[in-house]
Amino acid sequence: MTASAPWNVAVTMKSPTGATFCITHEAMIGPIASPVPRISNMPPAMQYLTYANPLRYAIDLVRRVYLEGASFGYLLHDMWPLVVIALVTLPAAVWLFRHRLV
């Protein structure tokens, strides 16, 4: 018995989707599960620049939750910089967006 055309299309479409899921999963979990902290390997000047990057705090939050099982109280140390960054960048983005439309 030969395979029909729709079945062949379905099989070929599942293959790239599965590969994309695996690659995306590795890209997101890779920095979290890495045993070597990448910020400490940077030059000192670059380490200071990472304080303005919200991903520094977000990856540390997720790392603490997944690897250490940290509770909410322990995560406040990394949450307040995210709130400060949001309070600065969101109003600036709204202002820029409104003034570009006019």
Protein backbone atom coordinates (compact mmCIF):
# COMPACT_ATOMS: atom_id res chain seq x y z
CA MET A 1 0.00 0.00 0.00
CA THR A 2 1.39 3.37 -0.97
CA ALA A 3 1.30 6.47 1.16
CA SER A 4 -1.04 9.26 0.15
CA ALA A 5 0.16 12.78 -0.58
CA PRO A 6 -1.33 14.46 2.55
CA TRP A 7 0.35 11.90 4.78
CA ASN A 8 3.74 12.66 3.21
CA VAL A 9 3.24 16.39 3.71
CA ALA A 10 2.30 15.87 7.36
CA VAL A 11 5.40 13.78 8.02
CA THR A 12 7.71 16.26 6.35
CA MET A 13 6.15 19.18 8.24
CA LYS A 14 6.61 17.51 11.64
CA SER A 15 10.34 17.13 11.21
CA PRO A 16 11.29 20.85 11.06
CA THR A 17 8.84 21.69 13.84
CA GLY A 18 10.46 19.17 16.18
CA ALA A 19 13.93 20.43 15.36
CA THR A 20 12.86 24.03 15.95
CA PHE A 21 11.42 23.08 19.34
CA CYS A 22 14.65 21.38 20.39
CA ILE A 23 16.84 24.26 19.25
CA THR A 24 14.62 26.87 20.91
CA HIS A 25 14.51 24.85 24.13
CA GLU A 26 18.31 24.53 24.21
CA ALA A 27 18.76 28.23 23.51
CA MET A 28 16.49 29.19 26.40
CA ILE A 29 17.65 26.63 28.97
CA GLY A 30 21.34 26.72 27.99
CA PRO A 31 22.28 29.90 29.87
CA ILE A 32 20.28 28.79 32.90
CA ALA A 33 21.77 25.34 33.30
CA SER A 34 25.31 26.42 32.52
CA PRO A 35 27.60 25.68 35.48
CA VAL A 36 30.00 28.50 34.60
CA PRO A 37 28.69 32.02 35.22
CA ARG A 38 29.29 33.87 32.00
CA ILE A 39 29.33 37.38 33.51
CA SER A 40 32.38 36.58 35.61
CA ASN A 41 34.26 35.60 32.44
CA MET A 42 33.74 39.06 30.92
CA PRO A 43 36.19 41.95 31.20
CA PRO A 44 35.37 44.27 34.12
CA ALA A 45 34.12 47.08 31.88
CA MET A 46 31.64 44.75 30.19
CA GLN A 47 30.48 43.42 33.55
CA TYR A 48 29.37 46.92 34.54
CA LEU A 49 27.43 47.31 31.29
CA THR A 50 25.39 44.20 32.06
CA TYR A 51 23.72 45.97 35.00
CA ALA A 52 21.59 47.88 32.46
CA ASN A 53 20.54 44.66 30.69
CA PRO A 54 17.32 43.13 32.05
CA LEU A 55 18.37 39.68 30.83
CA ARG A 56 21.09 39.62 33.48
CA TYR A 57 18.47 39.67 36.20
CA ALA A 58 15.91 37.51 34.39
CA ILE A 59 18.37 34.68 33.75
CA ASP A 60 19.54 34.83 37.35
CA LEU A 61 15.91 34.67 38.52
CA VAL A 62 15.13 31.63 36.41
CA ARG A 63 18.42 29.97 37.40
CA ARG A 64 17.60 30.40 41.08
CA VAL A 65 14.08 29.04 40.67
CA TYR A 66 15.03 25.99 38.59
CA LEU A 67 18.35 25.01 40.13
CA GLU A 68 18.02 26.19 43.72
CA GLY A 69 14.25 26.13 44.24
CA ALA A 70 14.33 29.67 45.61
CA SER A 71 11.20 31.16 47.11
CA PHE A 72 9.71 34.58 46.36
CA GLY A 73 11.57 36.29 49.20
CA TYR A 74 14.96 35.29 47.81
CA LEU A 75 14.03 36.53 44.35
CA LEU A 76 13.33 40.14 45.39
CA HIS A 77 17.06 40.89 45.07
CA ASP A 78 16.79 40.36 41.31
CA MET A 79 13.24 41.63 40.85
CA TRP A 80 13.68 45.23 41.96
CA PRO A 81 16.20 46.08 39.17
CA LEU A 82 13.71 44.73 36.63
CA VAL A 83 11.02 46.99 38.09
CA VAL A 84 13.33 50.01 37.99
CA ILE A 85 14.32 49.29 34.38
CA ALA A 86 10.64 48.93 33.45
CA LEU A 87 9.69 52.18 35.21
CA VAL A 88 12.34 54.02 33.21
CA THR A 89 11.99 52.41 29.79
CA LEU A 90 8.22 52.00 29.49
CA PRO A 91 7.30 55.69 29.94
CA ALA A 92 10.16 56.61 27.61
CA ALA A 93 8.84 54.18 24.99
CA VAL A 94 5.29 55.57 25.32
CA TRP A 95 6.56 59.13 24.98
CA LEU A 96 8.65 58.28 21.91
CA PHE A 97 5.78 56.38 20.31
CA ARG A 98 3.29 59.23 20.80
CA HIS A 99 5.64 61.89 19.48
CA ARG A 100 6.50 59.86 16.39
CA LEU A 101 2.82 59.50 15.42
CA VAL A 102 2.12 63.22 15.47
